[in-house]
N, C-alpha and C. Protein backbone atom coordinates (compact mmCIF):
# COMPACT_ATOMS: atom_id res chain seq x y z
N MET A 1 175.54 4.97 215.74
CA MET A 1 174.75 5.67 216.62
C MET A 1 173.37 5.74 216.31
N GLY A 2 172.58 6.01 217.33
CA GLY A 2 171.08 6.16 217.01
C GLY A 2 170.58 7.38 217.70
N ARG A 3 169.24 7.35 217.86
CA ARG A 3 168.54 8.27 218.55
C ARG A 3 168.66 8.44 219.87
N ALA A 4 168.52 9.38 220.49
CA ALA A 4 168.83 9.55 222.05
C ALA A 4 167.55 10.11 222.72
N PRO A 5 166.89 9.57 223.40
CA PRO A 5 165.73 10.45 223.98
C PRO A 5 166.15 11.07 225.29
N THR A 6 165.65 12.25 225.40
CA THR A 6 166.14 13.29 226.31
C THR A 6 164.98 13.75 227.08
N SER A 7 164.88 13.16 228.32
CA SER A 7 163.86 13.54 229.23
C SER A 7 163.54 15.00 229.57
N PRO A 8 162.66 15.42 230.08
CA PRO A 8 162.35 16.85 230.51
C PRO A 8 163.36 17.20 231.56
N ASN A 9 163.63 16.44 232.45
CA ASN A 9 164.74 16.64 233.39
C ASN A 9 166.09 16.99 232.81
N ALA A 10 166.55 16.18 231.90
CA ALA A 10 167.82 16.31 231.18
C ALA A 10 167.60 17.63 230.08
N SER A 11 166.44 17.77 229.50
CA SER A 11 166.32 19.02 228.65
C SER A 11 166.43 20.28 229.44
N ALA A 12 165.89 20.30 230.75
CA ALA A 12 166.00 21.40 231.52
C ALA A 12 167.42 21.70 231.80
N ILE A 13 168.28 20.72 232.16
CA ILE A 13 169.71 20.91 232.54
C ILE A 13 170.43 21.31 231.04
N LEU A 14 170.21 20.81 229.95
CA LEU A 14 170.74 21.31 228.71
C LEU A 14 170.36 22.72 228.51
N ARG A 15 169.20 23.05 228.77
CA ARG A 15 168.75 24.57 228.68
C ARG A 15 169.54 25.53 229.52
N ASN A 16 169.66 25.07 230.70
CA ASN A 16 170.50 25.84 231.53
C ASN A 16 171.81 25.92 231.28
N LEU A 17 172.52 25.05 230.60
CA LEU A 17 173.87 24.94 230.19
C LEU A 17 174.06 25.70 228.87
N GLY A 18 172.93 26.10 228.06
CA GLY A 18 173.07 26.82 226.81
C GLY A 18 173.20 25.70 225.67
N VAL A 19 172.88 24.43 225.87
CA VAL A 19 172.82 23.59 224.78
C VAL A 19 171.63 23.40 224.13
N LEU A 20 170.37 23.44 224.69
CA LEU A 20 169.18 23.19 224.22
C LEU A 20 168.89 23.85 222.94
N GLU A 21 169.33 25.37 222.97
CA GLU A 21 169.07 26.17 221.91
C GLU A 21 169.81 25.53 220.39
N HIS A 22 170.88 24.77 220.79
CA HIS A 22 171.32 24.21 219.58
C HIS A 22 170.95 22.94 219.14
N LEU A 23 170.36 22.20 220.22
CA LEU A 23 169.58 21.13 219.62
C LEU A 23 168.07 21.11 219.07
N THR A 24 167.51 22.15 219.21
CA THR A 24 166.26 22.19 218.71
C THR A 24 166.06 21.90 217.36
N PRO A 25 166.92 22.69 216.52
CA PRO A 25 166.83 22.26 215.02
C PRO A 25 166.93 20.78 214.55
N SER A 26 167.71 20.09 215.41
CA SER A 26 167.73 18.61 214.98
C SER A 26 166.74 17.64 215.69
N ARG A 27 165.89 18.26 216.69
CA ARG A 27 165.24 17.34 217.51
C ARG A 27 164.03 16.68 216.55
N SER A 28 163.56 15.66 216.81
CA SER A 28 162.32 14.99 216.33
C SER A 28 161.08 15.65 217.02
N ALA A 29 160.22 16.22 216.04
CA ALA A 29 159.04 16.83 216.63
C ALA A 29 157.79 15.84 216.11
N GLY A 30 156.81 15.77 217.08
CA GLY A 30 155.66 15.10 216.72
C GLY A 30 155.74 13.64 216.72
N SER A 31 156.86 13.03 217.12
CA SER A 31 157.13 11.62 217.14
C SER A 31 156.97 11.25 218.60
N ASP A 32 156.23 10.23 218.79
CA ASP A 32 156.32 9.76 220.38
C ASP A 32 157.27 8.48 220.59
N PRO A 33 157.99 8.65 221.51
CA PRO A 33 158.99 7.41 221.76
C PRO A 33 158.07 6.33 222.57
N ASN A 34 158.56 5.17 221.86
CA ASN A 34 157.49 3.94 222.43
C ASN A 34 158.54 2.94 223.06
N PRO A 35 158.59 2.96 224.30
CA PRO A 35 159.42 1.96 225.06
C PRO A 35 158.95 0.82 224.64
N ARG A 36 159.69 -0.33 224.39
CA ARG A 36 159.27 -1.68 223.99
C ARG A 36 159.74 -2.60 224.93
N ALA A 37 159.22 -3.70 225.19
CA ALA A 37 159.57 -4.84 225.83
C ALA A 37 160.18 -5.68 224.97
N ARG A 38 160.99 -6.74 225.40
CA ARG A 38 161.80 -7.49 224.58
C ARG A 38 160.93 -8.43 223.49
N ASP A 39 159.58 -8.54 223.82
CA ASP A 39 158.87 -9.28 222.84
C ASP A 39 158.24 -8.21 221.85
N GLY A 40 158.64 -6.91 221.90
CA GLY A 40 158.12 -5.93 220.92
C GLY A 40 156.85 -5.30 221.19
N ALA A 41 156.22 -5.72 222.54
CA ALA A 41 155.15 -5.02 222.97
C ALA A 41 155.42 -3.63 223.45
N THR A 42 154.32 -2.53 223.06
CA THR A 42 154.59 -1.28 223.85
C THR A 42 154.38 -1.08 225.10
N LEU A 43 155.09 -0.65 225.89
CA LEU A 43 155.32 -0.46 227.33
C LEU A 43 154.38 0.86 227.69
N ALA A 44 154.71 1.73 226.82
CA ALA A 44 154.17 3.16 227.13
C ALA A 44 154.25 4.26 226.13
N LEU A 45 153.31 5.08 225.85
CA LEU A 45 153.28 6.10 224.92
C LEU A 45 153.50 7.35 225.50
N MET A 46 154.53 8.26 225.10
CA MET A 46 154.74 9.43 225.64
C MET A 46 154.44 10.58 224.76
N PRO A 47 153.36 11.39 224.85
CA PRO A 47 153.28 12.46 223.76
C PRO A 47 154.25 13.54 224.10
N LEU A 48 154.86 13.85 223.10
CA LEU A 48 155.97 14.99 223.17
C LEU A 48 155.44 16.37 223.25
N GLU A 49 154.25 16.49 222.74
CA GLU A 49 153.91 17.90 222.62
C GLU A 49 153.49 18.41 224.04
N SER A 50 153.05 17.66 224.87
CA SER A 50 152.56 18.08 226.27
C SER A 50 153.67 18.04 227.32
N ALA A 51 154.84 17.58 226.99
CA ALA A 51 155.89 17.39 227.98
C ALA A 51 156.30 18.99 228.56
N GLU A 52 156.56 19.96 227.54
CA GLU A 52 157.05 21.22 228.09
C GLU A 52 156.01 21.88 229.01
N LYS A 53 154.63 21.82 228.64
CA LYS A 53 153.61 22.28 229.50
C LYS A 53 153.44 21.71 230.79
N ARG A 54 153.60 20.36 230.75
CA ARG A 54 153.56 19.58 231.84
C ARG A 54 154.64 19.63 232.77
N TRP A 55 156.01 19.55 232.37
CA TRP A 55 157.09 19.39 233.27
C TRP A 55 158.13 20.58 233.17
N GLY A 56 157.74 21.52 232.24
CA GLY A 56 158.69 22.81 232.05
C GLY A 56 159.78 22.69 231.11
N ALA A 57 159.95 21.52 230.62
CA ALA A 57 161.09 21.31 229.65
C ALA A 57 160.49 20.24 228.51
N PRO A 58 161.05 20.47 227.35
CA PRO A 58 160.65 19.60 226.21
C PRO A 58 161.13 18.12 226.55
N TYR A 59 160.35 17.01 226.01
CA TYR A 59 161.08 15.81 225.90
C TYR A 59 161.54 15.72 224.24
N LEU A 60 162.78 15.44 224.04
CA LEU A 60 163.33 15.46 222.84
C LEU A 60 163.88 14.02 222.64
N VAL A 61 163.73 13.67 221.24
CA VAL A 61 164.42 12.50 220.45
C VAL A 61 165.45 13.31 219.65
N VAL A 62 166.74 13.11 219.84
CA VAL A 62 167.80 13.69 218.82
C VAL A 62 168.80 12.45 218.61
N HIS A 63 169.43 12.85 217.48
CA HIS A 63 170.36 11.91 216.94
C HIS A 63 171.71 12.05 218.10
N ARG A 64 172.28 11.08 218.65
CA ARG A 64 173.31 11.16 219.57
C ARG A 64 174.67 11.87 218.88
N ALA A 65 174.77 11.89 217.55
CA ALA A 65 175.83 12.81 217.04
C ALA A 65 175.36 14.34 217.10
N ASP A 66 174.04 14.62 216.93
CA ASP A 66 173.75 15.91 217.08
C ASP A 66 173.77 16.46 218.64
N LEU A 67 173.66 15.65 219.57
CA LEU A 67 173.83 15.96 220.93
C LEU A 67 175.09 16.15 221.36
N GLN A 68 176.04 15.32 220.64
CA GLN A 68 177.36 15.48 221.05
C GLN A 68 178.11 16.88 220.43
N ARG A 69 177.51 17.13 219.16
CA ARG A 69 177.82 18.30 218.38
C ARG A 69 177.43 19.42 219.22
N ALA A 70 176.31 19.62 219.74
CA ALA A 70 175.86 20.69 220.43
C ALA A 70 176.66 20.75 221.81
N LEU A 71 176.91 19.51 222.43
CA LEU A 71 177.86 19.65 223.66
C LEU A 71 179.14 20.34 223.33
N LEU A 72 179.69 19.76 222.21
CA LEU A 72 181.09 20.20 222.15
C LEU A 72 181.10 21.66 221.55
N GLU A 73 179.99 22.32 220.81
CA GLU A 73 179.99 23.66 220.30
C GLU A 73 179.90 24.51 221.62
N THR A 74 179.20 24.08 222.61
CA THR A 74 178.82 24.91 223.86
C THR A 74 180.11 24.97 224.67
N VAL A 75 180.87 23.80 224.71
CA VAL A 75 182.24 23.79 225.36
C VAL A 75 183.21 24.83 224.65
N ALA A 76 183.22 24.55 223.36
CA ALA A 76 183.97 25.48 222.81
C ALA A 76 183.88 27.00 222.81
N ARG A 77 182.57 27.45 223.25
CA ARG A 77 182.39 28.76 223.31
C ARG A 77 182.69 29.06 224.62
N GLU A 78 182.79 28.37 225.70
CA GLU A 78 183.05 28.77 227.07
C GLU A 78 184.41 28.48 227.42
N GLY A 79 185.07 29.82 227.53
CA GLY A 79 186.52 30.06 227.72
C GLY A 79 186.95 29.53 229.03
N SER A 80 186.27 29.15 229.88
CA SER A 80 186.63 28.66 231.23
C SER A 80 186.61 27.07 231.37
N ILE A 81 186.22 26.48 230.34
CA ILE A 81 186.17 25.00 230.19
C ILE A 81 187.36 24.46 229.34
N THR A 82 187.99 23.51 229.71
CA THR A 82 188.90 22.69 228.87
C THR A 82 188.60 21.27 228.82
N LEU A 83 188.22 20.92 227.55
CA LEU A 83 187.99 19.43 227.56
C LEU A 83 189.21 18.66 227.08
N GLN A 84 189.44 17.65 227.85
CA GLN A 84 190.50 16.63 227.90
C GLN A 84 189.86 15.23 227.72
N THR A 85 190.31 14.89 226.46
CA THR A 85 189.89 13.29 225.96
C THR A 85 191.08 12.48 226.74
N GLY A 86 190.71 11.14 226.71
CA GLY A 86 191.45 10.05 227.17
C GLY A 86 192.00 10.34 228.53
N ALA A 87 191.32 10.91 229.41
CA ALA A 87 191.65 11.14 230.84
C ALA A 87 190.68 10.72 231.89
N ALA A 88 190.97 10.41 232.97
CA ALA A 88 190.07 9.77 234.00
C ALA A 88 190.20 11.09 235.16
N VAL A 89 188.98 11.05 235.69
CA VAL A 89 188.93 12.05 236.86
C VAL A 89 189.84 11.34 238.08
N ALA A 90 190.63 12.11 238.62
CA ALA A 90 191.50 11.65 239.74
C ALA A 90 191.05 12.24 240.92
N GLY A 91 190.37 13.43 240.87
CA GLY A 91 189.67 13.95 242.10
C GLY A 91 189.20 15.26 241.64
N PHE A 92 188.43 15.94 242.70
CA PHE A 92 187.79 17.32 242.23
C PHE A 92 187.57 17.97 243.69
N ALA A 93 187.39 19.42 243.53
CA ALA A 93 187.26 20.15 244.55
C ALA A 93 186.50 21.52 244.33
N PRO A 94 185.55 21.98 245.26
CA PRO A 94 184.86 23.13 244.79
C PRO A 94 186.09 24.41 244.87
N SER A 95 185.87 25.22 244.10
CA SER A 95 186.74 26.49 243.77
C SER A 95 185.71 27.70 243.89
N SER A 96 186.29 28.86 244.08
CA SER A 96 185.49 30.04 244.10
C SER A 96 184.80 30.40 243.04
N ASP A 97 185.09 29.89 241.68
CA ASP A 97 184.20 30.04 240.42
C ASP A 97 183.71 28.79 239.65
N GLY A 98 183.68 27.55 240.50
CA GLY A 98 183.08 26.44 240.10
C GLY A 98 183.48 25.20 240.80
N VAL A 99 184.18 24.25 239.96
CA VAL A 99 184.72 23.07 240.31
C VAL A 99 186.17 22.90 239.62
N ALA A 100 187.04 22.61 240.42
CA ALA A 100 188.37 22.29 239.75
C ALA A 100 188.45 20.78 239.88
N VAL A 101 188.66 20.00 238.62
CA VAL A 101 188.85 18.75 238.57
C VAL A 101 190.38 18.32 238.16
N ARG A 102 190.90 17.33 238.92
CA ARG A 102 192.31 16.91 238.64
C ARG A 102 192.19 15.71 237.87
N SER A 103 192.99 15.54 236.76
CA SER A 103 192.68 14.31 235.79
C SER A 103 194.09 13.71 235.61
N ARG A 104 194.13 12.31 235.35
CA ARG A 104 195.18 11.52 234.98
C ARG A 104 194.84 10.96 233.63
N LYS A 105 195.92 10.40 232.89
CA LYS A 105 195.72 9.81 231.66
C LYS A 105 195.07 8.61 232.05
N ALA A 106 194.02 8.15 231.17
CA ALA A 106 193.29 6.82 231.25
C ALA A 106 194.02 5.67 230.69
N ARG A 107 193.97 4.60 231.44
CA ARG A 107 194.47 3.46 231.07
C ARG A 107 193.67 2.99 229.63
N SER A 108 194.47 2.24 228.80
CA SER A 108 193.79 1.96 227.50
C SER A 108 193.55 0.50 227.87
N GLY A 109 192.53 -0.19 227.18
CA GLY A 109 192.21 -1.40 227.20
C GLY A 109 191.34 -1.85 228.46
C-alpha cells in the first residue's frame, strides 16, 4: 500500500462524516504531490498549504492504511452502521433515517 492523495472535495466529505479529525495526525504536511507523466515529467505542482483557504478543505496525502483505519474507527463508533465484508450490494432504498442496503454474499474469483 502507498500514499493516497485526498482532494479537498473528498476531505470535505471525510470531515462531514467525522473521519478527518482522525486522519490529521497521520497526514503529510508541507509536501506537494507532483503528478507525473509516464516519462517522469512533472505535470503539475499542488501547494497543500493553500488548499483549505482556497477550497474550504485540506488537500491531504495519507497512507492508505491510515485512511482505512480512520474509516473503520469511525464506523465502529456509529451504532447505526453495520460493516459487512465479502458482500455485494443487491439493492438499496431510502428509509426514514438514511438508506437501507440489501446485500448478498459476493462470489469469489
